[in-house]
PDB file of N, CA and C in Angstrom:
ATOM      1  N   MET A   1      -8.402  -7.069   6.622  1.00  0.00           N
ATOM      2  CA  MET A   1      -7.234  -6.229   6.530  1.00  0.00           C
ATOM      3  C   MET A   1      -7.810  -4.974   7.532  1.00  0.00           C
ATOM      4  N   THR A   2      -9.064  -4.753   7.926  1.00  0.00           N
ATOM      5  CA  THR A   2      -9.416  -4.167   8.888  1.00  0.00           C
ATOM      6  C   THR A   2      -8.685  -4.375  10.276  1.00  0.00           C
ATOM      7  N   THR A   3      -8.397  -5.679  10.671  1.00  0.00           N
ATOM      8  CA  THR A   3      -7.768  -6.288  11.952  1.00  0.00           C
ATOM      9  C   THR A   3      -6.161  -5.579  11.645  1.00  0.00           C
ATOM     10  N   LYS A   4      -5.633  -6.030  10.550  1.00  0.00           N
ATOM     11  CA  LYS A   4      -4.678  -5.318  10.264  1.00  0.00           C
ATOM     12  C   LYS A   4      -4.253  -4.009  10.491  1.00  0.00           C
ATOM     13  N   LEU A   5      -5.139  -3.267  10.033  1.00  0.00           N
ATOM     14  CA  LEU A   5      -5.062  -1.759  10.131  1.00  0.00           C
ATOM     15  C   LEU A   5      -5.143  -1.324  11.448  1.00  0.00           C
ATOM     16  N   ARG A   6      -6.141  -2.336  12.207  1.00  0.00           N
ATOM     17  CA  ARG A   6      -6.202  -1.430  13.746  1.00  0.00           C
ATOM     18  C   ARG A   6      -4.931  -1.985  14.506  1.00  0.00           C
ATOM     19  N   GLU A   7      -4.057  -3.239  14.017  1.00  0.00           N
ATOM     20  CA  GLU A   7      -2.849  -3.472  14.926  1.00  0.00           C
ATOM     21  C   GLU A   7      -1.679  -2.640  14.550  1.00  0.00           C
ATOM     22  N   ILE A   8      -1.729  -1.943  13.207  1.00  0.00           N
ATOM     23  CA  ILE A   8      -1.012  -1.063  12.769  1.00  0.00           C
ATOM     24  C   ILE A   8      -1.045   0.478  13.314  1.00  0.00           C
ATOM     25  N   GLU A   9      -2.159   0.806  13.661  1.00  0.00           N
ATOM     26  CA  GLU A   9      -2.628   2.047  14.383  1.00  0.00           C
ATOM     27  C   GLU A   9      -2.210   2.228  15.908  1.00  0.00           C
ATOM     28  N   VAL A  10      -1.968   1.225  16.275  1.00  0.00           N
ATOM     29  CA  VAL A  10      -1.666   1.491  17.887  1.00  0.00           C
ATOM     30  C   VAL A  10      -0.280   1.318  17.889  1.00  0.00           C
ATOM     31  N   LEU A  11       0.417   1.142  16.905  1.00  0.00           N
ATOM     32  CA  LEU A  11       2.174   1.288  16.883  1.00  0.00           C
ATOM     33  C   LEU A  11       2.499   2.701  17.368  1.00  0.00           C
ATOM     34  N   HIS A  12       3.672   2.904  17.738  1.00  0.00           N
ATOM     35  CA  HIS A  12       4.095   4.226  18.340  1.00  0.00           C
ATOM     36  C   HIS A  12       5.332   4.318  18.367  1.00  0.00           C
ATOM     37  N   ASP A  13       6.090   5.382  18.447  1.00  0.00           N
ATOM     38  CA  ASP A  13       7.414   5.569  17.767  1.00  0.00           C
ATOM     39  C   ASP A  13       8.092   4.567  18.877  1.00  0.00           C
ATOM     40  N   GLY A  14       9.453   4.022  17.957  1.00  0.00           N
ATOM     41  CA  GLY A  14      10.174   2.633  18.945  1.00  0.00           C
ATOM     42  C   GLY A  14       9.809   1.317  18.483  1.00  0.00           C
ATOM     43  N   TRP A  15       8.555   1.128  18.031  1.00  0.00           N
ATOM     44  CA  TRP A  15       7.831  -0.171  17.636  1.00  0.00           C
ATOM     45  C   TRP A  15       8.854  -1.211  17.283  1.00  0.00           C
ATOM     46  N   TRP A  16       9.846  -0.510  16.300  1.00  0.00           N
ATOM     47  CA  TRP A  16      10.613  -1.491  15.678  1.00  0.00           C
ATOM     48  C   TRP A  16      12.118  -1.129  16.085  1.00  0.00           C
ATOM     49  N   GLY A  17      12.524  -0.754  17.011  1.00  0.00           N
ATOM     50  CA  GLY A  17      13.745  -0.203  18.041  1.00  0.00           C
ATOM     51  C   GLY A  17      13.667   1.540  17.894  1.00  0.00           C
ATOM     52  N   PRO A  18      14.887   1.955  18.481  1.00  0.00           N
ATOM     53  CA  PRO A  18      14.778   3.311  18.582  1.00  0.00           C
ATOM     54  C   PRO A  18      14.581   4.303  17.762  1.00  0.00           C
ATOM     55  N   GLU A  19      14.775   4.072  16.532  1.00  0.00           N
ATOM     56  CA  GLU A  19      14.815   4.868  15.191  1.00  0.00           C
ATOM     57  C   GLU A  19      13.595   4.924  14.587  1.00  0.00           C
ATOM     58  N   SER A  20      12.852   3.613  14.771  1.00  0.00           N
ATOM     59  CA  SER A  20      11.370   3.669  13.995  1.00  0.00           C
ATOM     60  C   SER A  20      10.184   4.528  14.764  1.00  0.00           C
ATOM     61  N   ARG A  21       9.362   4.670  13.553  1.00  0.00           N
ATOM     62  CA  ARG A  21       8.434   5.428  13.593  1.00  0.00           C
ATOM     63  C   ARG A  21       6.949   5.143  13.890  1.00  0.00           C
ATOM     64  N   ALA A  22       5.965   5.499  14.404  1.00  0.00           N
ATOM     65  CA  ALA A  22       4.644   5.333  14.102  1.00  0.00           C
ATOM     66  C   ALA A  22       4.073   5.385  12.939  1.00  0.00           C
ATOM     67  N   VAL A  23       3.285   4.809  12.399  1.00  0.00           N
ATOM     68  CA  VAL A  23       2.706   4.940  11.120  1.00  0.00           C
ATOM     69  C   VAL A  23       2.250   6.314  10.547  1.00  0.00           C
ATOM     70  N   ASP A  24       2.154   7.028   9.592  1.00  0.00           N
ATOM     71  CA  ASP A  24       1.795   7.951   9.529  1.00  0.00           C
ATOM     72  C   ASP A  24       0.126   8.119   9.696  1.00  0.00           C
ATOM     73  N   ARG A  25      -0.716   8.659  10.191  1.00  0.00           N
ATOM     74  CA  ARG A  25      -2.033   8.858  10.410  1.00  0.00           C
ATOM     75  C   ARG A  25      -2.624   9.203   9.096  1.00  0.00           C
ATOM     76  N   GLY A  26      -2.263  10.061   8.104  1.00  0.00           N
ATOM     77  CA  GLY A  26      -2.999   9.945   6.683  1.00  0.00           C
ATOM     78  C   GLY A  26      -2.775   8.999   6.067  1.00  0.00           C
ATOM     79  N   SER A  27      -1.624   8.144   5.933  1.00  0.00           N
ATOM     80  CA  SER A  27      -1.559   6.879   5.294  1.00  0.00           C
ATOM     81  C   SER A  27      -2.599   5.903   5.808  1.00  0.00           C
ATOM     82  N   LEU A  28      -2.716   5.683   7.119  1.00  0.00           N
ATOM     83  CA  LEU A  28      -3.883   4.891   7.741  1.00  0.00           C
ATOM     84  C   LEU A  28      -5.265   5.170   7.043  1.00  0.00           C
ATOM     85  N   GLN A  29      -5.605   6.581   7.293  1.00  0.00           N
ATOM     86  CA  GLN A  29      -6.682   7.120   6.729  1.00  0.00           C
ATOM     87  C   GLN A  29      -6.888   6.912   5.147  1.00  0.00           C
ATOM     88  N   ILE A  30      -5.776   6.836   4.468  1.00  0.00           N
ATOM     89  CA  ILE A  30      -6.258   6.487   3.106  1.00  0.00           C
ATOM     90  C   ILE A  30      -6.229   5.016   2.852  1.00  0.00           C
ATOM     91  N   ALA A  31      -5.484   4.321   3.706  1.00  0.00           N
ATOM     92  CA  ALA A  31      -5.518   2.938   3.313  1.00  0.00           C
ATOM     93  C   ALA A  31      -7.349   2.362   3.853  1.00  0.00           C
ATOM     94  N   GLU A  32      -7.553   3.051   4.859  1.00  0.00           N
ATOM     95  CA  GLU A  32      -8.800   2.979   5.522  1.00  0.00           C
ATOM     96  C   GLU A  32     -10.027   3.146   4.520  1.00  0.00           C
ATOM     97  N   ARG A  33     -10.009   4.177   3.598  1.00  0.00           N
ATOM     98  CA  ARG A  33     -11.212   4.663   2.723  1.00  0.00           C
ATOM     99  C   ARG A  33     -10.772   3.351   1.569  1.00  0.00           C
ATOM    100  N   ALA A  34      -9.614   3.017   1.091  1.00  0.00           N
ATOM    101  CA  ALA A  34      -9.796   2.432  -0.046  1.00  0.00           C
ATOM    102  C   ALA A  34      -9.761   0.829   0.441  1.00  0.00           C
ATOM    103  N   MET A  35      -9.578   0.556   1.593  1.00  0.00           N
ATOM    104  CA  MET A  35      -9.716  -1.085   1.976  1.00  0.00           C
ATOM    105  C   MET A  35     -10.826  -1.759   1.583  1.00  0.00           C
ATOM    106  N   PHE A  36     -11.907  -1.274   1.545  1.00  0.00           N
ATOM    107  CA  PHE A  36     -13.255  -2.325   0.638  1.00  0.00           C
ATOM    108  C   PHE A  36     -13.142  -2.630  -0.242  1.00  0.00           C
ATOM    109  N   ARG A  37     -12.514  -1.731  -1.512  1.00  0.00           N
ATOM    110  CA  ARG A  37     -12.371  -2.180  -2.678  1.00  0.00           C
ATOM    111  C   ARG A  37     -11.350  -2.955  -3.008  1.00  0.00           C
ATOM    112  N   LEU A  38     -10.340  -2.659  -2.093  1.00  0.00           N
ATOM    113  CA  LEU A  38      -8.885  -3.628  -2.451  1.00  0.00           C
ATOM    114  C   LEU A  38      -9.252  -4.856  -1.557  1.00  0.00           C
ATOM    115  N   ALA A  39     -10.160  -5.058  -0.512  1.00  0.00           N
ATOM    116  CA  ALA A  39     -10.317  -6.378   0.146  1.00  0.00           C
ATOM    117  C   ALA A  39     -11.373  -6.985  -0.750  1.00  0.00           C
ATOM    118  N   ASP A  40     -12.034  -6.495  -1.968  1.00  0.00           N
ATOM    119  CA  ASP A  40     -13.174  -7.177  -2.588  1.00  0.00           C
ATOM    120  C   ASP A  40     -12.394  -7.812  -4.005  1.00  0.00           C
ATOM    121  N   GLY A  41     -11.144  -7.254  -4.035  1.00  0.00           N
ATOM    122  CA  GLY A  41     -10.687  -7.554  -5.543  1.00  0.00           C
ATOM    123  C   GLY A  41     -10.114  -8.907  -5.683  1.00  0.00           C
ATOM    124  N   PRO A  42      -9.556  -9.106  -6.740  1.00  0.00           N
ATOM    125  CA  PRO A  42      -9.321 -10.484  -7.144  1.00  0.00           C
ATOM    126  C   PRO A  42      -7.814 -10.790  -6.496  1.00  0.00           C
ATOM    127  N   ALA A  43      -7.035  -9.934  -6.346  1.00  0.00           N
ATOM    128  CA  ALA A  43      -5.685 -10.283  -5.600  1.00  0.00           C
ATOM    129  C   ALA A  43      -5.823  -9.491  -4.101  1.00  0.00           C
ATOM    130  N   HIS A  44      -4.990 -10.578  -3.421  1.00  0.00           N
ATOM    131  CA  HIS A  44      -4.879 -10.286  -2.077  1.00  0.00           C
ATOM    132  C   HIS A  44      -3.804  -9.256  -1.754  1.00  0.00           C
ATOM    133  N   VAL A  45      -4.117  -8.590  -0.994  1.00  0.00           N
ATOM    134  CA  VAL A  45      -3.277  -6.986  -0.351  1.00  0.00           C
ATOM    135  C   VAL A  45      -2.738  -7.798   0.836  1.00  0.00           C
ATOM    136  N   SER A  46      -1.498  -7.510   0.948  1.00  0.00           N
ATOM    137  CA  SER A  46      -0.423  -7.689   2.158  1.00  0.00           C
ATOM    138  C   SER A  46      -0.374  -6.310   2.699  1.00  0.00           C
ATOM    139  N   ILE A  47      -0.437  -6.101   3.832  1.00  0.00           N
ATOM    140  CA  ILE A  47      -0.283  -4.508   4.200  1.00  0.00           C
ATOM    141  C   ILE A  47       0.704  -4.862   5.338  1.00  0.00           C
ATOM    142  N   ALA A  48       1.735  -3.793   5.753  1.00  0.00           N
ATOM    143  CA  ALA A  48       2.903  -3.898   6.698  1.00  0.00           C
ATOM    144  C   ALA A  48       3.037  -2.654   6.927  1.00  0.00           C
ATOM    145  N   PRO A  49       3.453  -1.967   8.325  1.00  0.00           N
ATOM    146  CA  PRO A  49       4.164  -1.249   8.419  1.00  0.00           C
ATOM    147  C   PRO A  49       5.629  -0.915   8.086  1.00  0.00           C
ATOM    148  N   LEU A  50       6.257   0.262   7.954  1.00  0.00           N
ATOM    149  CA  LEU A  50       7.585   0.327   7.609  1.00  0.00           C
ATOM    150  C   LEU A  50       8.526   1.030   8.929  1.00  0.00           C
ATOM    151  N   ALA A  51       9.507   0.699   9.564  1.00  0.00           N
ATOM    152  CA  ALA A  51      10.114   1.455  10.345  1.00  0.00           C
ATOM    153  C   ALA A  51      10.172   3.082  10.137  1.00  0.00           C
ATOM    154  N   ASP A  52      10.229   3.661   9.169  1.00  0.00           N
ATOM    155  CA  ASP A  52      10.364   4.877   8.752  1.00  0.00           C
ATOM    156  C   ASP A  52       8.800   5.652   8.966  1.00  0.00           C
ATOM    157  N   GLY A  53       7.761   5.031   9.232  1.00  0.00           N
ATOM    158  CA  GLY A  53       6.606   5.565   9.291  1.00  0.00           C
ATOM    159  C   GLY A  53       5.701   5.467   7.998  1.00  0.00           C
ATOM    160  N   SER A  54       6.389   4.679   7.167  1.00  0.00           N
ATOM    161  CA  SER A  54       5.164   4.413   5.710  1.00  0.00           C
ATOM    162  C   SER A  54       4.419   3.446   5.949  1.00  0.00           C
ATOM    163  N   LEU A  55       3.563   3.087   5.054  1.00  0.00           N
ATOM    164  CA  LEU A  55       2.626   1.954   5.207  1.00  0.00           C
ATOM    165  C   LEU A  55       2.624   1.473   3.619  1.00  0.00           C
ATOM    166  N   MET A  56       2.884   0.004   3.693  1.00  0.00           N
ATOM    167  CA  MET A  56       3.578  -0.874   2.529  1.00  0.00           C
ATOM    168  C   MET A  56       1.928  -1.805   2.370  1.00  0.00           C
ATOM    169  N   LEU A  57       1.597  -1.615   1.126  1.00  0.00           N
ATOM    170  CA  LEU A  57       0.570  -2.329   0.826  1.00  0.00           C
ATOM    171  C   LEU A  57       1.356  -3.453  -0.458  1.00  0.00           C
ATOM    172  N   GLU A  58       1.134  -4.414  -0.743  1.00  0.00           N
ATOM    173  CA  GLU A  58       1.494  -5.656  -1.835  1.00  0.00           C
ATOM    174  C   GLU A  58       0.658  -6.175  -2.602  1.00  0.00           C
ATOM    175  N   TRP A  59       0.483  -6.697  -3.681  1.00  0.00           N
ATOM    176  CA  TRP A  59      -0.216  -7.628  -4.080  1.00  0.00           C
ATOM    177  C   TRP A  59       0.684  -8.199  -5.271  1.00  0.00           C
ATOM    178  N   SER A  60      -0.039  -9.569  -6.064  1.00  0.00           N
ATOM    179  CA  SER A  60       0.410  -9.806  -7.360  1.00  0.00           C
ATOM    180  C   SER A  60      -0.880 -10.126  -8.045  1.00  0.00           C
ATOM    181  N   ASN A  61      -0.337 -10.342  -9.283  1.00  0.00           N
ATOM    182  CA  ASN A  61      -1.082 -10.739 -10.506  1.00  0.00           C
ATOM    183  C   ASN A  61      -0.424 -11.414 -11.425  1.00  0.00           C
ATOM    184  N   GLY A  62      -0.119 -12.658 -11.449  1.00  0.00           N
ATOM    185  CA  GLY A  62       0.799 -13.421 -12.096  1.00  0.00           C
ATOM    186  C   GLY A  62       2.149 -13.280 -11.784  1.00  0.00           C
ATOM    187  N   ASP A  63       3.023 -12.777 -12.669  1.00  0.00           N
ATOM    188  CA  ASP A  63       4.398 -12.593 -12.239  1.00  0.00           C
ATOM    189  C   ASP A  63       4.602 -11.604 -11.919  1.00  0.00           C
ATOM    190  N   THR A  64       3.812 -10.271 -12.032  1.00  0.00           N
ATOM    191  CA  THR A  64       3.775  -9.003 -11.701  1.00  0.00           C
ATOM    192  C   THR A  64       3.513  -8.644 -10.256  1.00  0.00           C
ATOM    193  N   GLU A  65       4.693  -7.993  -9.513  1.00  0.00           N
ATOM    194  CA  GLU A  65       4.635  -7.624  -8.067  1.00  0.00           C
ATOM    195  C   GLU A  65       4.210  -6.300  -8.063  1.00  0.00           C
ATOM    196  N   CYS A  66       3.023  -5.799  -7.316  1.00  0.00           N
ATOM    197  CA  CYS A  66       2.860  -4.379  -7.299  1.00  0.00           C
ATOM    198  C   CYS A  66       2.874  -4.049  -5.754  1.00  0.00           C
ATOM    199  N   THR A  67       3.487  -2.691  -5.485  1.00  0.00           N
ATOM    200  CA  THR A  67       3.519  -2.298  -4.363  1.00  0.00           C
ATOM    201  C   THR A  67       3.108  -0.666  -4.276  1.00  0.00           C
ATOM    202  N   ALA A  68       2.408  -0.453  -3.343  1.00  0.00           N
ATOM    203  CA  ALA A  68       2.071   1.074  -2.974  1.00  0.00           C
ATOM    204  C   ALA A  68       2.212   1.250  -1.623  1.00  0.00           C
ATOM    205  N   GLU A  69       3.583   2.162  -1.864  1.00  0.00           N
ATOM    206  CA  GLU A  69       4.019   2.692  -0.311  1.00  0.00           C
ATOM    207  C   GLU A  69       3.534   4.276   0.171  1.00  0.00           C
ATOM    208  N   LEU A  70       2.905   3.957   1.124  1.00  0.00           N
ATOM    209  CA  LEU A  70       2.342   5.316   1.546  1.00  0.00           C
ATOM    210  C   LEU A  70       3.250   5.989   2.399  1.00  0.00           C
ATOM    211  N   LEU A  71       3.743   7.208   1.729  1.00  0.00           N
ATOM    212  CA  LEU A  71       4.678   7.854   2.738  1.00  0.00           C
ATOM    213  C   LEU A  71       4.128   8.975   3.892  1.00  0.00           C
ATOM    214  N   PRO A  72       4.971   9.128   4.706  1.00  0.00           N
ATOM    215  CA  PRO A  72       4.569  10.225   5.672  1.00  0.00           C
ATOM    216  C   PRO A  72       4.713  11.782   4.972  1.00  0.00           C
ATOM    217  N   GLY A  73       3.559  12.215   5.063  1.00  0.00           N
ATOM    218  CA  GLY A  73       3.731  13.468   4.570  1.00  0.00           C
ATOM    219  C   GLY A  73       2.713  13.645   2.999  1.00  0.00           C
ATOM    220  N   GLY A  74       2.112  12.586   2.849  1.00  0.00           N
ATOM    221  CA  GLY A  74       1.004  12.879   1.696  1.00  0.00           C
ATOM    222  C   GLY A  74       1.338  12.407   0.345  1.00  0.00           C
ATOM    223  N   GLU A  75       2.584  11.839   0.210  1.00  0.00           N
ATOM    224  CA  GLU A  75       2.841  10.866  -0.838  1.00  0.00           C
ATOM    225  C   GLU A  75       2.879   9.481  -0.959  1.00  0.00           C
ATOM    226  N   MET A  76       2.955   9.000  -2.115  1.00  0.00           N
ATOM    227  CA  MET A  76       3.065   7.524  -2.199  1.00  0.00           C
ATOM    228  C   MET A  76       3.930   6.906  -3.553  1.00  0.00           C
ATOM    229  N   THR A  77       4.323   6.180  -3.504  1.00  0.00           N
ATOM    230  CA  THR A  77       5.672   5.443  -4.334  1.00  0.00           C
ATOM    231  C   THR A  77       4.948   4.132  -4.726  1.00  0.00           C
ATOM    232  N   LEU A  78       4.422   4.079  -6.166  1.00  0.00           N
ATOM    233  CA  LEU A  78       3.411   3.187  -6.637  1.00  0.00           C
ATOM    234  C   LEU A  78       4.650   2.165  -7.956  1.00  0.00           C
ATOM    235  N   THR A  79       4.640   1.166  -7.515  1.00  0.00           N
ATOM    236  CA  THR A  79       5.852   0.243  -7.919  1.00  0.00           C
ATOM    237  C   THR A  79       5.409  -1.011  -8.720  1.00  0.00           C
ATOM    238  N   ILE A  80       5.813  -1.070 -10.184  1.00  0.00           N
ATOM    239  CA  ILE A  80       5.068  -2.361 -10.982  1.00  0.00           C
ATOM    240  C   ILE A  80       6.510  -3.327 -11.250  1.00  0.00           C
ATOM    241  N   ASP A  81       6.655  -4.355 -10.799  1.00  0.00           N
ATOM    242  CA  ASP A  81       7.660  -5.168 -11.091  1.00  0.00           C
ATOM    243  C   ASP A  81       7.412  -6.506 -11.802  1.00  0.00           C
ATOM    244  N   ASN A  82       8.261  -6.784 -12.922  1.00  0.00           N
ATOM    245  CA  ASN A  82       7.720  -7.993 -13.728  1.00  0.00           C
ATOM    246  C   ASN A  82       8.970  -8.300 -14.288  1.00  0.00           C
ATOM    247  N   PRO A  83      10.281  -9.097 -13.496  1.00  0.00           N
ATOM    248  CA  PRO A  83      11.309  -9.606 -14.283  1.00  0.00           C
ATOM    249  C   PRO A  83      11.183 -10.450 -15.175  1.00  0.00           C
ATOM    250  N   ALA A  84      10.539 -11.198 -15.314  1.00  0.00           N
ATOM    251  CA  ALA A  84       9.961 -11.988 -16.548  1.00  0.00           C
ATOM    252  C   ALA A  84       9.970 -11.455 -17.957  1.00  0.00           C
ATOM    253  N   PHE A  85       9.498  -9.938 -17.868  1.00  0.00           N
ATOM    254  CA  PHE A  85       9.483  -9.159 -19.055  1.00  0.00           C
ATOM    255  C   PHE A  85      10.339  -8.170 -18.926  1.00  0.00           C
ATOM    256  N   ASP A  86      11.554  -8.258 -18.046  1.00  0.00           N
ATOM    257  CA  ASP A  86      12.375  -6.971 -17.687  1.00  0.00           C
ATOM    258  C   ASP A  86      11.357  -5.679 -17.486  1.00  0.00           C
ATOM    259  N   ILE A  87      10.320  -5.590 -16.741  1.00  0.00           N
ATOM    260  CA  ILE A  87       9.404  -4.528 -16.746  1.00  0.00           C
ATOM    261  C   ILE A  87       9.752  -4.086 -14.718  1.00  0.00           C
ATOM    262  N   TYR A  88      10.202  -2.706 -14.965  1.00  0.00           N
ATOM    263  CA  TYR A  88      10.326  -2.063 -13.851  1.00  0.00           C
ATOM    264  C   TYR A  88       9.825  -0.853 -14.043  1.00  0.00           C
ATOM    265  N   VAL A  89       8.571  -0.181 -12.885  1.00  0.00           N
ATOM    266  CA  VAL A  89       7.983   0.804 -12.939  1.00  0.00           C
ATOM    267  C   VAL A  89       7.959   1.553 -11.631  1.00  0.00           C
ATOM    268  N   GLU A  90       8.342   2.671 -11.363  1.00  0.00           N
ATOM    269  CA  GLU A  90       8.127   3.473  -9.960  1.00  0.00           C
ATOM    270  C   GLU A  90       7.779   4.798 -10.112  1.00  0.00           C
ATOM    271  N   ARG A  91       6.581   5.331 -10.049  1.00  0.00           N
ATOM    272  CA  ARG A  91       6.064   6.561  -9.606  1.00  0.00           C
ATOM    273  C   ARG A  91       5.928   7.083  -8.171  1.00  0.00           C
ATOM    274  N   GLN A  92       6.230   8.368  -8.114  1.00  0.00           N
ATOM    275  CA  GLN A  92       5.996   8.621  -6.959  1.00  0.00           C
ATOM    276  C   GLN A  92       4.732   9.829  -7.012  1.00  0.00           C
ATOM    277  N   VAL A  93       3.689   9.748  -6.537  1.00  0.00           N
ATOM    278  CA  VAL A  93       2.354  10.727  -6.720  1.00  0.00           C
ATOM    279  C   VAL A  93       1.975  11.262  -5.117  1.00  0.00           C
ATOM    280  N   ALA A  94       0.784  12.147  -5.496  1.00  0.00           N
ATOM    281  CA  ALA A  94       0.079  12.507  -3.997  1.00  0.00           C
ATOM    282  C   ALA A  94      -0.699  10.947  -3.547  1.00  0.00           C
ATOM    283  N   ALA A  95      -0.685  11.208  -2.351  1.00  0.00           N
ATOM    284  CA  ALA A  95      -1.449  10.035  -2.083  1.00  0.00           C
ATOM    285  C   ALA A  95      -2.823  10.152  -1.705  1.00  0.00           C
ATOM    286  N   THR A  96      -3.812   9.600  -2.115  1.00  0.00           N
ATOM    287  CA  THR A  96      -5.217   9.733  -2.367  1.00  0.00           C
ATOM    288  C   THR A  96      -5.656   8.130  -2.108  1.00  0.00           C
ATOM    289  N   ALA A  97      -6.997   7.941  -1.663  1.00  0.00           N
ATOM    290  CA  ALA A  97      -7.441   6.729  -1.875  1.00  0.00           C
ATOM    291  C   ALA A  97      -8.051   6.379  -2.983  1.00  0.00           C
ATOM    292  N   ALA A  98      -8.371   7.602  -3.550  1.00  0.00           N
ATOM    293  CA  ALA A  98      -8.838   7.272  -5.145  1.00  0.00           C
ATOM    294  C   ALA A  98      -7.785   6.620  -6.016  1.00  0.00           C
ATOM    295  N   ARG A  99      -6.575   7.252  -5.858  1.00  0.00           N
ATOM    296  CA  ARG A  99      -5.577   7.023  -6.489  1.00  0.00           C
ATOM    297  C   ARG A  99      -4.897   5.754  -6.053  1.00  0.00           C
ATOM    298  N   LEU A 100      -5.050   5.229  -5.118  1.00  0.00           N
ATOM    299  CA  LEU A 100      -4.744   3.990  -4.533  1.00  0.00           C
ATOM    300  C   LEU A 100      -5.362   2.715  -5.171  1.00  0.00           C
ATOM    301  N   VAL A 101      -6.973   3.055  -5.122  1.00  0.00           N
ATOM    302  CA  VAL A 101      -7.850   2.065  -5.690  1.00  0.00           C
ATOM    303  C   VAL A 101      -7.524   2.171  -7.178  1.00  0.00           C
ATOM    304  N   GLU A 102      -7.459   3.045  -7.863  1.00  0.00           N
ATOM    305  CA  GLU A 102      -7.303   3.325  -9.223  1.00  0.00           C
ATOM    306  C   GLU A 102      -6.004   2.485  -9.671  1.00  0.00           C
ATOM    307  N   PHE A 103      -4.990   2.677  -9.090  1.00  0.00           N
ATOM    308  CA  PHE A 103      -3.576   1.826  -9.313  1.00  0.00           C
ATOM    309  C   PHE A 103      -4.002   0.453  -8.949  1.00  0.00           C
ATOM    310  N   TYR A 104      -4.446  -0.257  -7.929  1.00  0.00           N
ATOM    311  CA  TYR A 104      -4.745  -1.601  -7.613  1.00  0.00           C
ATOM    312  C   TYR A 104      -5.852  -2.211  -9.092  1.00  0.00           C
ATOM    313  N   VAL A 105      -6.949  -1.743  -9.238  1.00  0.00           N
ATOM    314  CA  VAL A 105      -7.853  -1.515 -10.272  1.00  0.00           C
ATOM    315  C   VAL A 105      -7.124  -2.067 -11.570  1.00  0.00           C
ATOM    316  N   THR A 106      -5.905  -1.219 -11.781  1.00  0.00           N
ATOM    317  CA  THR A 106      -5.487  -1.173 -13.157  1.00  0.00           C
ATOM    318  C   THR A 106      -4.309  -2.408 -13.009  1.00  0.00           C
ATOM    319  N   THR A 107      -3.827  -2.728 -11.903  1.00  0.00           N
ATOM    320  CA  THR A 107      -2.785  -3.820 -11.657  1.00  0.00           C
ATOM    321  C   THR A 107      -3.314  -5.111 -11.311  1.00  0.00           C
ATOM    322  N   ALA A 108      -4.283  -5.150 -10.800  1.00  0.00           N
ATOM    323  CA  ALA A 108      -4.723  -6.660 -10.110  1.00  0.00           C
ATOM    324  C   ALA A 108      -5.674  -7.318 -10.781  1.00  0.00           C
ATOM    325  N   GLY A 109      -5.846  -7.190 -11.995  1.00  0.00           N
ATOM    326  CA  GLY A 109      -6.856  -7.860 -13.053  1.00  0.00           C
ATOM    327  C   GLY A 109      -8.150  -7.590 -12.358  1.00  0.00           C
ATOM    328  N   VAL A 110      -8.813  -6.544 -12.186  1.00  0.00           N
ATOM    329  CA  VAL A 110     -10.255  -6.130 -11.739  1.00  0.00           C
ATOM    330  C   VAL A 110     -10.600  -5.796 -13.193  1.00  0.00           C
ATOM    331  N   HIS A 111     -11.756  -6.744 -13.686  1.00  0.00           N
ATOM    332  CA  HIS A 111     -12.391  -6.286 -15.203  1.00  0.00           C
ATOM    333  C   HIS A 111     -13.818  -5.791 -14.984  1.00  0.00           C
ATOM    334  N   ASP A 112     -14.285  -5.242 -13.492  1.00  0.00           N
ATOM    335  CA  ASP A 112     -15.511  -4.395 -13.461  1.00  0.00           C
ATOM    336  C   ASP A 112     -15.396  -3.080 -13.069  1.00  0.00           C
ATOM    337  N   ALA A 113     -14.233  -2.544 -13.380  1.00  0.00           N
ATOM    338  CA  ALA A 113     -13.890  -1.068 -12.753  1.00  0.00           C
ATOM    339  C   ALA A 113     -14.876  -0.139 -13.796  1.00  0.00           C
TER     340      ALA A 113
END
């Protein structure tokens, strides 16, 4: 995950076309602070930049897909989606490393929290 964050860190405005934005530095810092806990957990976390400057983290636990989108400006959108049980929950909260780790721990099947 460290390598992926370093690749994303060097992206600049225009990396995915003229309207795309570099990933927000605050979002990168939050991901960096949380990454060791996320990397050690049971669910593999995929991380990707989005053209609007957001940073997307995704993982799954069985049929449940979880995403944390760290938005420019200090907010993040947390999503839990399980179509098998017709569950879709989305919440926008202030972005912090602690809150990101808490979301991961409660959705990825971590039992030693």
